[in-house]
Amino acid sequence: MLEDGTYEAIVIDAEPGTEANSVVIELALAAGPHKGELVTVTANGLSRDPLDLLAVPATIVVNGGVLTLTLEG
């Protein structure tokens, strides 16, 4: 688990999740002490095709152990 903070990342893989309207997204952290580490999250209610997410820059914010993912574009 990542410590609280803000992390820049890039989507390296995305595929449909097991629940309706969910996407499993794998991200590589792009900077800082965790650079190169992989983070996998499941996004629910995302209205984007998983293939369209590949190589999309993202920001991960961890606050109190809760992760929030913001995708660019």
Protein backbone atom coordinates (compact mmCIF):
# COMPACT_ATOMS: atom_id res chain seq x y z
CA MET A 1 0.00 0.00 0.00
CA LEU A 2 1.25 3.47 -0.85
CA GLU A 3 1.79 6.06 1.83
CA ASP A 4 -0.43 9.14 1.84
CA GLY A 5 0.59 11.49 -0.95
CA THR A 6 0.19 12.31 -4.63
CA TYR A 7 1.69 10.07 -7.30
CA GLU A 8 2.00 10.53 -11.05
CA ALA A 9 1.36 7.38 -13.05
CA ILE A 10 0.63 6.01 -16.50
CA VAL A 11 -1.86 3.30 -17.48
CA ILE A 12 -0.02 0.23 -18.76
CA ASP A 13 -2.95 -2.17 -18.94
CA ALA A 14 -6.74 -2.05 -18.66
CA GLU A 15 -9.35 -4.74 -19.05
CA PRO A 16 -13.02 -5.22 -18.22
CA GLY A 17 -13.62 -6.12 -14.59
CA THR A 18 -15.81 -8.90 -13.26
CA GLU A 19 -18.64 -6.52 -12.26
CA ALA A 20 -20.79 -4.61 -14.74
CA ASN A 21 -19.24 -1.28 -15.80
CA SER A 22 -15.97 -1.98 -13.99
CA VAL A 23 -12.43 -1.77 -15.38
CA VAL A 24 -9.27 -3.22 -13.84
CA ILE A 25 -6.48 -0.71 -14.43
CA GLU A 26 -2.77 -1.39 -13.97
CA LEU A 27 -0.62 1.70 -13.53
CA ALA A 28 3.12 2.27 -13.36
CA LEU A 29 4.27 5.04 -11.01
CA ALA A 30 6.26 7.57 -13.01
CA ALA A 31 8.23 9.53 -10.41
CA GLY A 32 9.37 9.69 -6.81
CA PRO A 33 10.66 7.00 -4.49
CA HIS A 34 8.16 4.43 -5.81
CA LYS A 35 9.01 5.06 -9.49
CA GLY A 36 8.46 1.92 -11.54
CA GLU A 37 6.20 0.22 -9.01
CA LEU A 38 2.90 -1.15 -10.25
CA VAL A 39 -0.49 -0.35 -8.77
CA THR A 40 -3.69 -2.16 -9.75
CA VAL A 41 -7.09 -0.61 -9.10
CA THR A 42 -10.64 -1.46 -10.10
CA ALA A 43 -12.70 1.49 -11.29
CA ASN A 44 -16.49 1.21 -11.16
CA GLY A 45 -18.86 3.22 -13.33
CA LEU A 46 -16.13 4.22 -15.77
CA SER A 47 -17.70 4.97 -19.14
CA ARG A 48 -14.54 4.47 -21.21
CA ASP A 49 -13.37 1.55 -23.28
CA PRO A 50 -10.44 -0.16 -21.54
CA LEU A 51 -8.33 -0.01 -24.74
CA ASP A 52 -8.75 3.78 -24.81
CA LEU A 53 -7.06 3.98 -21.40
CA LEU A 54 -3.71 2.53 -22.48
CA ALA A 55 -0.84 5.02 -22.01
CA VAL A 56 -3.16 7.61 -20.40
CA PRO A 57 -1.43 9.73 -17.74
CA ALA A 58 -3.02 9.54 -14.31
CA THR A 59 -2.75 10.98 -10.83
CA ILE A 60 -3.14 8.82 -7.76
CA VAL A 61 -3.91 10.52 -4.46
CA VAL A 62 -3.76 8.49 -1.25
CA ASN A 63 -5.33 10.14 1.80
CA GLY A 64 -5.86 8.18 4.99
CA GLY A 65 -5.18 4.97 3.11
CA VAL A 66 -7.95 5.71 0.59
CA LEU A 67 -6.83 5.83 -3.06
CA THR A 68 -8.39 8.21 -5.56
CA LEU A 69 -7.52 7.88 -9.25
CA THR A 70 -7.84 10.70 -11.78
CA LEU A 71 -7.31 9.88 -15.44
CA GLU A 72 -6.34 12.59 -17.93
CA GLY A 73 -8.22 13.04 -21.19
